[in-house]
Amino acid sequence: MNDEFKHPTFGYRCHYRRAIELQARLLSRHLQEGVVYKPLTLR
């Protein structure tokens, strides 16, 4: 959870813990506002 990687959507380095939080927020925006949701794929 503390390993870092470059987030493919936002382009900056973050921890997996932060990436999960970001994905939850993106999913929430998709459900509430209809914003296109792109799932996080690393491999």
N, C-alpha and C. Protein backbone atom coordinates (compact mmCIF):
# COMPACT_ATOMS: atom_id res chain seq x y z
N MET A 1 0.81 -1.19 0.00
CA MET A 1 0.00 0.00 0.00
C MET A 1 0.86 1.26 0.00
N ASN A 2 2.10 1.16 0.46
CA ASN A 2 2.96 2.34 0.53
C ASN A 2 3.90 2.46 -0.66
N ASP A 3 3.83 1.51 -1.60
CA ASP A 3 4.65 1.61 -2.80
C ASP A 3 4.12 2.73 -3.69
N GLU A 4 5.02 3.38 -4.41
CA GLU A 4 4.62 4.47 -5.29
C GLU A 4 4.62 4.02 -6.75
N PHE A 5 3.80 4.66 -7.54
CA PHE A 5 3.78 4.46 -8.98
C PHE A 5 3.27 5.73 -9.62
N LYS A 6 3.41 5.85 -10.92
CA LYS A 6 2.92 7.02 -11.64
C LYS A 6 1.47 6.77 -12.04
N HIS A 7 0.57 7.61 -11.57
CA HIS A 7 -0.85 7.45 -11.86
C HIS A 7 -1.07 7.72 -13.34
N PRO A 8 -1.64 6.76 -14.09
CA PRO A 8 -1.78 6.93 -15.54
C PRO A 8 -2.76 8.04 -15.94
N THR A 9 -3.74 8.34 -15.13
CA THR A 9 -4.72 9.37 -15.47
C THR A 9 -4.21 10.76 -15.14
N PHE A 10 -3.61 10.91 -13.95
CA PHE A 10 -3.21 12.23 -13.49
C PHE A 10 -1.75 12.55 -13.76
N GLY A 11 -0.93 11.51 -13.99
CA GLY A 11 0.45 11.73 -14.39
C GLY A 11 1.43 12.07 -13.28
N TYR A 12 1.03 11.92 -12.03
CA TYR A 12 1.99 12.17 -10.94
C TYR A 12 2.13 10.91 -10.09
N ARG A 13 3.21 10.89 -9.30
CA ARG A 13 3.49 9.72 -8.48
C ARG A 13 2.61 9.74 -7.24
N CYS A 14 2.08 8.57 -6.87
CA CYS A 14 1.26 8.48 -5.67
C CYS A 14 1.35 7.06 -5.11
N HIS A 15 0.93 6.91 -3.88
CA HIS A 15 0.89 5.60 -3.24
C HIS A 15 -0.39 4.89 -3.64
N TYR A 16 -0.40 3.57 -3.55
CA TYR A 16 -1.59 2.79 -3.86
C TYR A 16 -2.77 3.23 -2.99
N ARG A 17 -2.50 3.55 -1.75
CA ARG A 17 -3.54 4.01 -0.82
C ARG A 17 -4.25 5.25 -1.39
N ARG A 18 -3.47 6.20 -1.88
CA ARG A 18 -4.03 7.42 -2.47
C ARG A 18 -4.76 7.11 -3.77
N ALA A 19 -4.24 6.17 -4.55
CA ALA A 19 -4.87 5.81 -5.81
C ALA A 19 -6.26 5.22 -5.58
N ILE A 20 -6.42 4.42 -4.54
CA ILE A 20 -7.73 3.85 -4.22
C ILE A 20 -8.70 4.96 -3.86
N GLU A 21 -8.23 5.93 -3.09
CA GLU A 21 -9.08 7.07 -2.73
C GLU A 21 -9.48 7.86 -3.98
N LEU A 22 -8.54 8.10 -4.88
CA LEU A 22 -8.84 8.83 -6.11
C LEU A 22 -9.87 8.08 -6.96
N GLN A 23 -9.71 6.76 -7.06
CA GLN A 23 -10.65 5.99 -7.86
C GLN A 23 -12.05 6.01 -7.25
N ALA A 24 -12.13 5.98 -5.93
CA ALA A 24 -13.44 6.05 -5.27
C ALA A 24 -14.11 7.39 -5.57
N ARG A 25 -13.33 8.46 -5.57
CA ARG A 25 -13.89 9.78 -5.88
C ARG A 25 -14.32 9.88 -7.34
N LEU A 26 -13.52 9.30 -8.24
CA LEU A 26 -13.89 9.31 -9.65
C LEU A 26 -15.16 8.50 -9.90
N LEU A 27 -15.28 7.37 -9.23
CA LEU A 27 -16.49 6.54 -9.36
C LEU A 27 -17.70 7.29 -8.81
N SER A 28 -17.53 7.98 -7.71
CA SER A 28 -18.61 8.77 -7.12
C SER A 28 -19.08 9.85 -8.09
N ARG A 29 -18.13 10.54 -8.71
CA ARG A 29 -18.50 11.58 -9.69
C ARG A 29 -19.22 10.98 -10.88
N HIS A 30 -18.80 9.77 -11.29
CA HIS A 30 -19.47 9.09 -12.40
C HIS A 30 -20.93 8.79 -12.04
N LEU A 31 -21.14 8.28 -10.85
CA LEU A 31 -22.49 7.91 -10.43
C LEU A 31 -23.39 9.12 -10.20
N GLN A 32 -22.82 10.20 -9.68
CA GLN A 32 -23.62 11.37 -9.34
C GLN A 32 -23.77 12.35 -10.50
N GLU A 33 -22.73 12.52 -11.30
CA GLU A 33 -22.73 13.58 -12.31
C GLU A 33 -22.62 13.05 -13.74
N GLY A 34 -22.39 11.76 -13.89
CA GLY A 34 -22.28 11.20 -15.23
C GLY A 34 -20.94 11.42 -15.90
N VAL A 35 -19.92 11.83 -15.13
CA VAL A 35 -18.58 12.01 -15.68
C VAL A 35 -18.04 10.64 -16.09
N VAL A 36 -17.36 10.58 -17.22
CA VAL A 36 -16.82 9.31 -17.71
C VAL A 36 -15.84 8.74 -16.69
N TYR A 37 -16.01 7.44 -16.36
CA TYR A 37 -15.14 6.78 -15.39
C TYR A 37 -14.15 5.90 -16.13
N LYS A 38 -12.87 6.11 -15.85
CA LYS A 38 -11.81 5.27 -16.43
C LYS A 38 -11.19 4.48 -15.28
N PRO A 39 -11.33 3.16 -15.29
CA PRO A 39 -10.76 2.36 -14.20
C PRO A 39 -9.23 2.39 -14.21
N LEU A 40 -8.65 2.21 -13.06
CA LEU A 40 -7.20 2.19 -12.93
C LEU A 40 -6.69 0.80 -13.30
N THR A 41 -5.86 0.73 -14.32
CA THR A 41 -5.22 -0.51 -14.72
C THR A 41 -3.71 -0.29 -14.75
N LEU A 42 -3.00 -1.13 -14.03
CA LEU A 42 -1.55 -0.96 -13.93
C LEU A 42 -0.78 -2.00 -14.72
N ARG A 43 -1.38 -3.13 -15.02
CA ARG A 43 -0.66 -4.17 -15.75
C ARG A 43 -1.42 -4.63 -16.95
